[in-house]
Amino acid sequence: MTADTLVKASAEQVSCEVSGEAVILNLRDSSYYGLDPVGARVWKLLLNGPLPVSSIRDHLLAEFDVAAEQCEADLLELLGRLLEKGLVEVAA
Protein backbone atom coordinates (compact mmCIF):
# COMPACT_ATOMS: atom_id res chain seq x y z
CA MET A 1 0.00 0.00 0.00
CA THR A 2 1.29 3.47 -0.89
CA ALA A 3 0.08 7.06 -0.59
CA ASP A 4 -1.56 6.71 -4.02
CA THR A 5 -3.54 3.57 -3.15
CA LEU A 6 -7.32 4.04 -3.20
CA VAL A 7 -9.02 2.52 -0.16
CA LYS A 8 -12.61 2.23 1.01
CA ALA A 9 -14.61 0.54 3.73
CA SER A 10 -15.67 -3.00 2.90
CA ALA A 11 -19.31 -3.57 2.02
CA GLU A 12 -19.28 -6.56 4.38
CA GLN A 13 -19.31 -4.55 7.58
CA VAL A 14 -21.56 -2.33 9.64
CA SER A 15 -20.31 0.33 11.98
CA CYS A 16 -21.38 3.06 14.34
CA GLU A 17 -19.83 5.79 16.43
CA VAL A 18 -19.92 5.38 20.20
CA SER A 19 -18.54 8.15 22.41
CA GLY A 20 -16.19 9.40 19.69
CA GLU A 21 -14.89 5.93 18.87
CA ALA A 22 -15.89 3.56 16.06
CA VAL A 23 -17.30 0.08 16.56
CA ILE A 24 -17.21 -2.16 13.48
CA LEU A 25 -18.83 -5.55 12.94
CA ASN A 26 -17.27 -7.72 10.25
CA LEU A 27 -20.26 -9.49 8.69
CA ARG A 28 -18.10 -12.30 7.29
CA ASP A 29 -16.88 -13.64 10.62
CA SER A 30 -19.08 -11.78 13.14
CA SER A 31 -16.04 -10.19 14.80
CA TYR A 32 -16.25 -6.78 16.45
CA TYR A 33 -13.47 -4.21 16.28
CA GLY A 34 -13.02 -0.88 18.01
CA LEU A 35 -11.12 2.21 16.91
CA ASP A 36 -9.97 5.09 19.10
CA PRO A 37 -10.96 8.67 18.15
CA VAL A 38 -8.18 9.05 15.56
CA GLY A 39 -8.98 5.66 14.06
CA ALA A 40 -12.67 6.61 14.10
CA ARG A 41 -11.84 9.72 12.06
CA VAL A 42 -10.02 7.56 9.52
CA TRP A 43 -12.98 5.19 9.45
CA LYS A 44 -15.43 8.05 8.84
CA LEU A 45 -13.34 9.13 5.85
CA LEU A 46 -13.22 5.54 4.55
CA LEU A 47 -17.01 5.34 4.64
CA ASN A 48 -17.07 8.17 2.10
CA GLY A 49 -14.37 6.48 -0.03
CA PRO A 50 -12.74 5.40 -2.07
CA LEU A 51 -10.01 7.84 -1.19
CA PRO A 52 -6.28 7.81 -1.79
CA VAL A 53 -4.24 7.20 1.34
CA SER A 54 -2.61 10.61 0.79
CA SER A 55 -6.00 12.34 1.08
CA ILE A 56 -6.74 10.60 4.38
CA ARG A 57 -3.25 11.55 5.61
CA ASP A 58 -3.81 15.19 4.63
CA HIS A 59 -7.13 15.31 6.53
CA LEU A 60 -5.39 13.94 9.63
CA LEU A 61 -2.53 16.42 9.34
CA ALA A 62 -5.02 19.28 9.18
CA GLU A 63 -6.92 18.04 12.24
CA PHE A 64 -4.23 16.62 14.55
CA ASP A 65 -0.85 17.80 15.78
CA VAL A 66 1.40 15.11 14.30
CA ALA A 67 4.49 15.00 12.08
CA ALA A 68 3.75 14.08 8.47
CA GLU A 69 6.09 11.07 8.45
CA GLN A 70 4.64 9.66 11.68
CA CYS A 71 1.10 10.27 10.47
CA GLU A 72 1.66 8.41 7.21
CA ALA A 73 3.46 5.51 8.91
CA ASP A 74 0.71 5.10 11.51
CA LEU A 75 -2.00 5.42 8.86
CA LEU A 76 -0.42 2.77 6.65
CA GLU A 77 -0.12 0.46 9.64
CA LEU A 78 -3.79 0.97 10.57
CA LEU A 79 -4.98 0.49 6.99
CA GLY A 80 -2.87 -2.66 6.70
CA ARG A 81 -4.52 -4.12 9.79
CA LEU A 82 -7.99 -3.17 8.57
CA LEU A 83 -7.23 -4.73 5.19
CA GLU A 84 -5.98 -7.92 6.87
CA LYS A 85 -9.23 -8.16 8.85
CA GLY A 86 -11.34 -7.59 5.71
CA LEU A 87 -12.73 -4.28 6.92
CA VAL A 88 -11.29 -2.20 4.06
CA GLU A 89 -10.71 -2.89 0.40
CA VAL A 90 -8.26 -1.55 -2.12
CA ALA A 91 -10.32 0.09 -4.85
CA ALA A 92 -9.55 -0.57 -8.50
PDB file of N, CA and C in Angstrom:
ATOM      1  N   MET A   1       0.856  -1.164   0.000  1.00  0.00           N
ATOM      2  CA  MET A   1       0.000   0.000   0.000  1.00  0.00           C
ATOM      3  C   MET A   1       0.910   1.238   0.000  1.00  0.00           C
ATOM      4  N   THR A   2       0.528   2.225  -0.805  1.00  0.00           N
ATOM      5  CA  THR A   2       1.288   3.470  -0.890  1.00  0.00           C
ATOM      6  C   THR A   2       0.344   4.654  -0.697  1.00  0.00           C
ATOM      7  N   ALA A   3       0.894   5.848  -0.737  1.00  0.00           N
ATOM      8  CA  ALA A   3       0.084   7.057  -0.589  1.00  0.00           C
ATOM      9  C   ALA A   3      -0.920   7.219  -1.718  1.00  0.00           C
ATOM     10  N   ASP A   4      -0.657   6.597  -2.866  1.00  0.00           N
ATOM     11  CA  ASP A   4      -1.563   6.709  -4.019  1.00  0.00           C
ATOM     12  C   ASP A   4      -2.647   5.637  -4.049  1.00  0.00           C
ATOM     13  N   THR A   5      -2.570   4.654  -3.172  1.00  0.00           N
ATOM     14  CA  THR A   5      -3.543   3.569  -3.153  1.00  0.00           C
ATOM     15  C   THR A   5      -4.921   4.091  -2.766  1.00  0.00           C
ATOM     16  N   LEU A   6      -5.935   3.687  -3.521  1.00  0.00           N
ATOM     17  CA  LEU A   6      -7.323   4.036  -3.197  1.00  0.00           C
ATOM     18  C   LEU A   6      -7.887   2.987  -2.248  1.00  0.00           C
ATOM     19  N   VAL A   7      -8.445   3.437  -1.140  1.00  0.00           N
ATOM     20  CA  VAL A   7      -9.018   2.518  -0.160  1.00  0.00           C
ATOM     21  C   VAL A   7     -10.440   2.944   0.175  1.00  0.00           C
ATOM     22  N   LYS A   8     -11.228   1.957   0.595  1.00  0.00           N
ATOM     23  CA  LYS A   8     -12.606   2.233   1.006  1.00  0.00           C
ATOM     24  C   LYS A   8     -13.011   1.190   2.031  1.00  0.00           C
ATOM     25  N   ALA A   9     -14.068   1.490   2.774  1.00  0.00           N
ATOM     26  CA  ALA A   9     -14.612   0.536   3.733  1.00  0.00           C
ATOM     27  C   ALA A   9     -15.237  -0.625   2.974  1.00  0.00           C
ATOM     28  N   SER A  10     -15.082  -1.811   3.503  1.00  0.00           N
ATOM     29  CA  SER A  10     -15.672  -2.998   2.900  1.00  0.00           C
ATOM     30  C   SER A  10     -17.196  -2.923   2.969  1.00  0.00           C
ATOM     31  N   ALA A  11     -17.845  -3.504   2.005  1.00  0.00           N
ATOM     32  CA  ALA A  11     -19.305  -3.567   2.022  1.00  0.00           C
ATOM     33  C   ALA A  11     -19.798  -4.606   3.029  1.00  0.00           C
ATOM     34  N   GLU A  12     -18.901  -5.469   3.477  1.00  0.00           N
ATOM     35  CA  GLU A  12     -19.284  -6.562   4.380  1.00  0.00           C
ATOM     36  C   GLU A  12     -19.021  -6.198   5.836  1.00  0.00           C
ATOM     37  N   GLN A  13     -19.451  -5.006   6.214  1.00  0.00           N
ATOM     38  CA  GLN A  13     -19.314  -4.546   7.582  1.00  0.00           C
ATOM     39  C   GLN A  13     -20.435  -3.580   7.895  1.00  0.00           C
ATOM     40  N   VAL A  14     -20.699  -3.405   9.159  1.00  0.00           N
ATOM     41  CA  VAL A  14     -21.560  -2.333   9.644  1.00  0.00           C
ATOM     42  C   VAL A  14     -20.815  -1.672  10.782  1.00  0.00           C
ATOM     43  N   SER A  15     -21.049  -0.387  10.950  1.00  0.00           N
ATOM     44  CA  SER A  15     -20.310   0.325  11.981  1.00  0.00           C
ATOM     45  C   SER A  15     -21.161   1.437  12.561  1.00  0.00           C
ATOM     46  N   CYS A  16     -20.744   1.914  13.717  1.00  0.00           N
ATOM     47  CA  CYS A  16     -21.379   3.062  14.336  1.00  0.00           C
ATOM     48  C   CYS A  16     -20.355   3.774  15.204  1.00  0.00           C
ATOM     49  N   GLU A  17     -20.679   5.003  15.547  1.00  0.00           N
ATOM     50  CA  GLU A  17     -19.833   5.786  16.434  1.00  0.00           C
ATOM     51  C   GLU A  17     -20.401   5.695  17.837  1.00  0.00           C
ATOM     52  N   VAL A  18     -19.520   5.456  18.805  1.00  0.00           N
ATOM     53  CA  VAL A  18     -19.917   5.379  20.203  1.00  0.00           C
ATOM     54  C   VAL A  18     -18.926   6.210  21.014  1.00  0.00           C
ATOM     55  N   SER A  19     -19.383   7.288  21.578  1.00  0.00           N
ATOM     56  CA  SER A  19     -18.539   8.155  22.412  1.00  0.00           C
ATOM     57  C   SER A  19     -17.253   8.568  21.703  1.00  0.00           C
ATOM     58  N   GLY A  20     -17.346   8.934  20.438  1.00  0.00           N
ATOM     59  CA  GLY A  20     -16.191   9.397  19.691  1.00  0.00           C
ATOM     60  C   GLY A  20     -15.305   8.304  19.132  1.00  0.00           C
ATOM     61  N   GLU A  21     -15.641   7.060  19.398  1.00  0.00           N
ATOM     62  CA  GLU A  21     -14.893   5.929  18.867  1.00  0.00           C
ATOM     63  C   GLU A  21     -15.760   5.190  17.858  1.00  0.00           C
ATOM     64  N   ALA A  22     -15.139   4.334  17.052  1.00  0.00           N
ATOM     65  CA  ALA A  22     -15.888   3.563  16.061  1.00  0.00           C
ATOM     66  C   ALA A  22     -15.953   2.104  16.498  1.00  0.00           C
ATOM     67  N   VAL A  23     -17.107   1.509  16.327  1.00  0.00           N
ATOM     68  CA  VAL A  23     -17.304   0.079  16.557  1.00  0.00           C
ATOM     69  C   VAL A  23     -17.715  -0.517  15.223  1.00  0.00           C
ATOM     70  N   ILE A  24     -16.999  -1.560  14.803  1.00  0.00           N
ATOM     71  CA  ILE A  24     -17.212  -2.157  13.483  1.00  0.00           C
ATOM     72  C   ILE A  24     -17.487  -3.643  13.656  1.00  0.00           C
ATOM     73  N   LEU A  25     -18.513  -4.128  12.968  1.00  0.00           N
ATOM     74  CA  LEU A  25     -18.828  -5.551  12.940  1.00  0.00           C
ATOM     75  C   LEU A  25     -18.497  -6.079  11.560  1.00  0.00           C
ATOM     76  N   ASN A  26     -17.595  -7.039  11.498  1.00  0.00           N
ATOM     77  CA  ASN A  26     -17.270  -7.717  10.249  1.00  0.00           C
ATOM     78  C   ASN A  26     -18.361  -8.762  10.013  1.00  0.00           C
ATOM     79  N   LEU A  27     -19.133  -8.599   8.960  1.00  0.00           N
ATOM     80  CA  LEU A  27     -20.260  -9.492   8.695  1.00  0.00           C
ATOM     81  C   LEU A  27     -19.824 -10.873   8.220  1.00  0.00           C
ATOM     82  N   ARG A  28     -18.582 -10.985   7.752  1.00  0.00           N
ATOM     83  CA  ARG A  28     -18.102 -12.298   7.293  1.00  0.00           C
ATOM     84  C   ARG A  28     -17.825 -13.251   8.440  1.00  0.00           C
ATOM     85  N   ASP A  29     -17.244 -12.743   9.518  1.00  0.00           N
ATOM     86  CA  ASP A  29     -16.882 -13.642  10.617  1.00  0.00           C
ATOM     87  C   ASP A  29     -17.489 -13.237  11.957  1.00  0.00           C
ATOM     88  N   SER A  30     -18.381 -12.256  11.943  1.00  0.00           N
ATOM     89  CA  SER A  30     -19.085 -11.778  13.143  1.00  0.00           C
ATOM     90  C   SER A  30     -18.142 -11.268  14.226  1.00  0.00           C
ATOM     91  N   SER A  31     -16.986 -10.758  13.847  1.00  0.00           N
ATOM     92  CA  SER A  31     -16.040 -10.193  14.803  1.00  0.00           C
ATOM     93  C   SER A  31     -16.275  -8.689  14.939  1.00  0.00           C
ATOM     94  N   TYR A  32     -16.150  -8.208  16.174  1.00  0.00           N
ATOM     95  CA  TYR A  32     -16.254  -6.781  16.451  1.00  0.00           C
ATOM     96  C   TYR A  32     -14.869  -6.178  16.600  1.00  0.00           C
ATOM     97  N   TYR A  33     -14.726  -4.933  16.153  1.00  0.00           N
ATOM     98  CA  TYR A  33     -13.469  -4.210  16.283  1.00  0.00           C
ATOM     99  C   TYR A  33     -13.775  -2.805  16.770  1.00  0.00           C
ATOM    100  N   GLY A  34     -12.862  -2.239  17.528  1.00  0.00           N
ATOM    101  CA  GLY A  34     -13.015  -0.877  18.010  1.00  0.00           C
ATOM    102  C   GLY A  34     -11.853  -0.011  17.569  1.00  0.00           C
ATOM    103  N   LEU A  35     -12.149   1.248  17.292  1.00  0.00           N
ATOM    104  CA  LEU A  35     -11.121   2.210  16.905  1.00  0.00           C
ATOM    105  C   LEU A  35     -11.197   3.416  17.831  1.00  0.00           C
ATOM    106  N   ASP A  36     -10.036   3.897  18.259  1.00  0.00           N
ATOM    107  CA  ASP A  36      -9.969   5.094  19.096  1.00  0.00           C
ATOM    108  C   ASP A  36     -10.412   6.311  18.283  1.00  0.00           C
ATOM    109  N   PRO A  37     -10.466   7.492  18.883  1.00  0.00           N
ATOM    110  CA  PRO A  37     -10.964   8.668  18.147  1.00  0.00           C
ATOM    111  C   PRO A  37     -10.215   8.974  16.844  1.00  0.00           C
ATOM    112  N   VAL A  38      -8.910   8.804  16.806  1.00  0.00           N
ATOM    113  CA  VAL A  38      -8.179   9.053  15.558  1.00  0.00           C
ATOM    114  C   VAL A  38      -8.539   7.986  14.527  1.00  0.00           C
ATOM    115  N   GLY A  39      -8.572   6.736  14.955  1.00  0.00           N
ATOM    116  CA  GLY A  39      -8.984   5.661  14.062  1.00  0.00           C
ATOM    117  C   GLY A  39     -10.413   5.844  13.588  1.00  0.00           C
ATOM    118  N   ALA A  40     -11.268   6.349  14.469  1.00  0.00           N
ATOM    119  CA  ALA A  40     -12.666   6.606  14.102  1.00  0.00           C
ATOM    120  C   ALA A  40     -12.749   7.690  13.031  1.00  0.00           C
ATOM    121  N   ARG A  41     -11.858   8.675  13.095  1.00  0.00           N
ATOM    122  CA  ARG A  41     -11.836   9.717  12.065  1.00  0.00           C
ATOM    123  C   ARG A  41     -11.434   9.129  10.728  1.00  0.00           C
ATOM    124  N   VAL A  42     -10.427   8.252  10.748  1.00  0.00           N
ATOM    125  CA  VAL A  42     -10.015   7.557   9.519  1.00  0.00           C
ATOM    126  C   VAL A  42     -11.188   6.747   8.988  1.00  0.00           C
ATOM    127  N   TRP A  43     -11.861   6.029   9.859  1.00  0.00           N
ATOM    128  CA  TRP A  43     -12.984   5.194   9.454  1.00  0.00           C
ATOM    129  C   TRP A  43     -14.086   6.030   8.800  1.00  0.00           C
ATOM    130  N   LYS A  44     -14.392   7.174   9.398  1.00  0.00           N
ATOM    131  CA  LYS A  44     -15.428   8.048   8.843  1.00  0.00           C
ATOM    132  C   LYS A  44     -15.063   8.485   7.421  1.00  0.00           C
ATOM    133  N   LEU A  45     -13.791   8.776   7.195  1.00  0.00           N
ATOM    134  CA  LEU A  45     -13.339   9.130   5.848  1.00  0.00           C
ATOM    135  C   LEU A  45     -13.468   7.942   4.903  1.00  0.00           C
ATOM    136  N   LEU A  46     -13.135   6.745   5.390  1.00  0.00           N
ATOM    137  CA  LEU A  46     -13.222   5.539   4.551  1.00  0.00           C
ATOM    138  C   LEU A  46     -14.658   5.245   4.130  1.00  0.00           C
ATOM    139  N   LEU A  47     -15.604   5.574   4.981  1.00  0.00           N
ATOM    140  CA  LEU A  47     -17.012   5.341   4.644  1.00  0.00           C
ATOM    141  C   LEU A  47     -17.457   6.190   3.466  1.00  0.00           C
ATOM    142  N   ASN A  48     -16.763   7.292   3.233  1.00  0.00           N
ATOM    143  CA  ASN A  48     -17.068   8.166   2.104  1.00  0.00           C
ATOM    144  C   ASN A  48     -16.157   7.897   0.916  1.00  0.00           C
ATOM    145  N   GLY A  49     -15.376   6.811   0.986  1.00  0.00           N
ATOM    146  CA  GLY A  49     -14.368   6.479  -0.035  1.00  0.00           C
ATOM    147  C   GLY A  49     -14.992   6.021  -1.322  1.00  0.00           C
ATOM    148  N   PRO A  50     -14.179   5.602  -2.255  1.00  0.00           N
ATOM    149  CA  PRO A  50     -12.744   5.395  -2.073  1.00  0.00           C
ATOM    150  C   PRO A  50     -11.956   6.701  -2.099  1.00  0.00           C
ATOM    151  N   LEU A  51     -10.905   6.697  -1.286  1.00  0.00           N
ATOM    152  CA  LEU A  51     -10.011   7.842  -1.193  1.00  0.00           C
ATOM    153  C   LEU A  51      -8.569   7.365  -1.288  1.00  0.00           C
ATOM    154  N   PRO A  52      -7.687   8.181  -1.846  1.00  0.00           N
ATOM    155  CA  PRO A  52      -6.277   7.815  -1.794  1.00  0.00           C
ATOM    156  C   PRO A  52      -5.762   7.966  -0.360  1.00  0.00           C
ATOM    157  N   VAL A  53      -4.831   7.135   0.008  1.00  0.00           N
ATOM    158  CA  VAL A  53      -4.235   7.201   1.339  1.00  0.00           C
ATOM    159  C   VAL A  53      -3.719   8.614   1.611  1.00  0.00           C
ATOM    160  N   SER A  54      -3.155   9.259   0.604  1.00  0.00           N
ATOM    161  CA  SER A  54      -2.609  10.612   0.786  1.00  0.00           C
ATOM    162  C   SER A  54      -3.695  11.606   1.200  1.00  0.00           C
ATOM    163  N   SER A  55      -4.903  11.440   0.709  1.00  0.00           N
ATOM    164  CA  SER A  55      -5.996  12.338   1.078  1.00  0.00           C
ATOM    165  C   SER A  55      -6.386  12.141   2.539  1.00  0.00           C
ATOM    166  N   ILE A  56      -6.436  10.897   2.974  1.00  0.00           N
ATOM    167  CA  ILE A  56      -6.740  10.604   4.385  1.00  0.00           C
ATOM    168  C   ILE A  56      -5.646  11.199   5.266  1.00  0.00           C
ATOM    169  N   ARG A  57      -4.392  10.995   4.864  1.00  0.00           N
ATOM    170  CA  ARG A  57      -3.254  11.551   5.607  1.00  0.00           C
ATOM    171  C   ARG A  57      -3.377  13.069   5.719  1.00  0.00           C
ATOM    172  N   ASP A  58      -3.706  13.727   4.628  1.00  0.00           N
ATOM    173  CA  ASP A  58      -3.812  15.187   4.628  1.00  0.00           C
ATOM    174  C   ASP A  58      -4.928  15.680   5.549  1.00  0.00           C
ATOM    175  N   HIS A  59      -6.047  14.957   5.591  1.00  0.00           N
ATOM    176  CA  HIS A  59      -7.126  15.306   6.525  1.00  0.00           C
ATOM    177  C   HIS A  59      -6.618  15.213   7.961  1.00  0.00           C
ATOM    178  N   LEU A  60      -5.903  14.131   8.271  1.00  0.00           N
ATOM    179  CA  LEU A  60      -5.395  13.943   9.630  1.00  0.00           C
ATOM    180  C   LEU A  60      -4.386  15.024  10.002  1.00  0.00           C
ATOM    181  N   LEU A  61      -3.520  15.377   9.066  1.00  0.00           N
ATOM    182  CA  LEU A  61      -2.526  16.416   9.336  1.00  0.00           C
ATOM    183  C   LEU A  61      -3.182  17.760   9.619  1.00  0.00           C
ATOM    184  N   ALA A  62      -4.309  18.025   8.968  1.00  0.00           N
ATOM    185  CA  ALA A  62      -5.023  19.278   9.178  1.00  0.00           C
ATOM    186  C   ALA A  62      -5.765  19.296  10.522  1.00  0.00           C
ATOM    187  N   GLU A  63      -6.099  18.111  11.037  1.00  0.00           N
ATOM    188  CA  GLU A  63      -6.924  18.035  12.239  1.00  0.00           C
ATOM    189  C   GLU A  63      -6.155  17.700  13.513  1.00  0.00           C
ATOM    190  N   PHE A  64      -4.977  17.071  13.384  1.00  0.00           N
ATOM    191  CA  PHE A  64      -4.230  16.615  14.553  1.00  0.00           C
ATOM    192  C   PHE A  64      -2.805  17.157  14.509  1.00  0.00           C
ATOM    193  N   ASP A  65      -2.223  17.325  15.674  1.00  0.00           N
ATOM    194  CA  ASP A  65      -0.845  17.802  15.781  1.00  0.00           C
ATOM    195  C   ASP A  65       0.086  16.593  15.728  1.00  0.00           C
ATOM    196  N   VAL A  66       0.548  16.283  14.514  1.00  0.00           N
ATOM    197  CA  VAL A  66       1.401  15.110  14.297  1.00  0.00           C
ATOM    198  C   VAL A  66       2.333  15.399  13.131  1.00  0.00           C
ATOM    199  N   ALA A  67       3.536  14.842  13.188  1.00  0.00           N
ATOM    200  CA  ALA A  67       4.488  14.998  12.085  1.00  0.00           C
ATOM    201  C   ALA A  67       3.999  14.197  10.890  1.00  0.00           C
ATOM    202  N   ALA A  68       4.232  14.714   9.697  1.00  0.00           N
ATOM    203  CA  ALA A  68       3.747  14.077   8.466  1.00  0.00           C
ATOM    204  C   ALA A  68       4.247  12.649   8.319  1.00  0.00           C
ATOM    205  N   GLU A  69       5.527  12.408   8.605  1.00  0.00           N
ATOM    206  CA  GLU A  69       6.093  11.068   8.448  1.00  0.00           C
ATOM    207  C   GLU A  69       5.448  10.076   9.417  1.00  0.00           C
ATOM    208  N   GLN A  70       5.263  10.520  10.663  1.00  0.00           N
ATOM    209  CA  GLN A  70       4.643   9.658  11.677  1.00  0.00           C
ATOM    210  C   GLN A  70       3.188   9.385  11.322  1.00  0.00           C
ATOM    211  N   CYS A  71       2.499  10.408  10.856  1.00  0.00           N
ATOM    212  CA  CYS A  71       1.098  10.267  10.472  1.00  0.00           C
ATOM    213  C   CYS A  71       0.945   9.227   9.364  1.00  0.00           C
ATOM    214  N   GLU A  72       1.764   9.349   8.326  1.00  0.00           N
ATOM    215  CA  GLU A  72       1.655   8.411   7.211  1.00  0.00           C
ATOM    216  C   GLU A  72       2.015   6.997   7.637  1.00  0.00           C
ATOM    217  N   ALA A  73       3.061   6.844   8.447  1.00  0.00           N
ATOM    218  CA  ALA A  73       3.459   5.511   8.908  1.00  0.00           C
ATOM    219  C   ALA A  73       2.351   4.867   9.740  1.00  0.00           C
ATOM    220  N   ASP A  74       1.786   5.630  10.671  1.00  0.00           N
ATOM    221  CA  ASP A  74       0.707   5.098  11.509  1.00  0.00           C
ATOM    222  C   ASP A  74      -0.534   4.787  10.679  1.00  0.00           C
ATOM    223  N   LEU A  75      -0.845   5.645   9.724  1.00  0.00           N
ATOM    224  CA  LEU A  75      -2.005   5.422   8.858  1.00  0.00           C
ATOM    225  C   LEU A  75      -1.836   4.163   8.027  1.00  0.00           C
ATOM    226  N   LEU A  76      -0.671   3.977   7.448  1.00  0.00           N
ATOM    227  CA  LEU A  76      -0.423   2.769   6.645  1.00  0.00           C
ATOM    228  C   LEU A  76      -0.509   1.514   7.503  1.00  0.00           C
ATOM    229  N   GLU A  77      -0.026   1.603   8.733  1.00  0.00           N
ATOM    230  CA  GLU A  77      -0.120   0.460   9.644  1.00  0.00           C
ATOM    231  C   GLU A  77      -1.587   0.135   9.957  1.00  0.00           C
ATOM    232  N   LEU A  78      -2.368   1.166  10.280  1.00  0.00           N
ATOM    233  CA  LEU A  78      -3.794   0.968  10.571  1.00  0.00           C
ATOM    234  C   LEU A  78      -4.519   0.388   9.364  1.00  0.00           C
ATOM    235  N   LEU A  79      -4.306   0.976   8.192  1.00  0.00           N
ATOM    236  CA  LEU A  79      -4.981   0.486   6.988  1.00  0.00           C
ATOM    237  C   LEU A  79      -4.573  -0.949   6.669  1.00  0.00           C
ATOM    238  N   GLY A  80      -3.322  -1.290   6.906  1.00  0.00           N
ATOM    239  CA  GLY A  80      -2.867  -2.663   6.695  1.00  0.00           C
ATOM    240  C   GLY A  80      -3.595  -3.639   7.598  1.00  0.00           C
ATOM    241  N   ARG A  81      -3.785  -3.251   8.851  1.00  0.00           N
ATOM    242  CA  ARG A  81      -4.521  -4.120   9.788  1.00  0.00           C
ATOM    243  C   ARG A  81      -5.986  -4.256   9.384  1.00  0.00           C
ATOM    244  N   LEU A  82      -6.591  -3.130   8.998  1.00  0.00           N
ATOM    245  CA  LEU A  82      -7.992  -3.174   8.573  1.00  0.00           C
ATOM    246  C   LEU A  82      -8.162  -4.010   7.313  1.00  0.00           C
ATOM    247  N   LEU A  83      -7.208  -3.927   6.414  1.00  0.00           N
ATOM    248  CA  LEU A  83      -7.232  -4.730   5.190  1.00  0.00           C
ATOM    249  C   LEU A  83      -7.099  -6.209   5.533  1.00  0.00           C
ATOM    250  N   GLU A  84      -6.194  -6.530   6.430  1.00  0.00           N
ATOM    251  CA  GLU A  84      -5.977  -7.919   6.869  1.00  0.00           C
ATOM    252  C   GLU A  84      -7.235  -8.519   7.482  1.00  0.00           C
ATOM    253  N   LYS A  85      -7.996  -7.696   8.200  1.00  0.00           N
ATOM    254  CA  LYS A  85      -9.233  -8.160   8.847  1.00  0.00           C
ATOM    255  C   LYS A  85     -10.434  -8.131   7.904  1.00  0.00           C
ATOM    256  N   GLY A  86     -10.248  -7.635   6.684  1.00  0.00           N
ATOM    257  CA  GLY A  86     -11.340  -7.587   5.709  1.00  0.00           C
ATOM    258  C   GLY A  86     -12.294  -6.431   5.906  1.00  0.00           C
ATOM    259  N   LEU A  87     -11.862  -5.410   6.649  1.00  0.00           N
ATOM    260  CA  LEU A  87     -12.735  -4.276   6.922  1.00  0.00           C
ATOM    261  C   LEU A  87     -12.597  -3.168   5.894  1.00  0.00           C
ATOM    262  N   VAL A  88     -11.483  -3.147   5.170  1.00  0.00           N
ATOM    263  CA  VAL A  88     -11.292  -2.200   4.061  1.00  0.00           C
ATOM    264  C   VAL A  88     -10.885  -2.970   2.832  1.00  0.00           C
ATOM    265  N   GLU A  89     -11.066  -2.317   1.695  1.00  0.00           N
ATOM    266  CA  GLU A  89     -10.709  -2.894   0.402  1.00  0.00           C
ATOM    267  C   GLU A  89      -9.878  -1.885  -0.358  1.00  0.00           C
ATOM    268  N   VAL A  90      -8.989  -2.393  -1.185  1.00  0.00           N
ATOM    269  CA  VAL A  90      -8.260  -1.547  -2.118  1.00  0.00           C
ATOM    270  C   VAL A  90      -9.139  -1.413  -3.342  1.00  0.00           C
ATOM    271  N   ALA A  91      -9.437  -0.170  -3.708  1.00  0.00           N
ATOM    272  CA  ALA A  91     -10.320   0.094  -4.848  1.00  0.00           C
ATOM    273  C   ALA A  91      -9.533   0.006  -6.155  1.00  0.00           C
ATOM    274  N   ALA A  92     -10.199  -0.450  -7.181  1.00  0.00           N
ATOM    275  CA  ALA A  92      -9.550  -0.566  -8.499  1.00  0.00           C
ATOM    276  C   ALA A  92      -9.462   0.766  -9.177  1.00  0.00           C
TER     277      ALA A  92
END
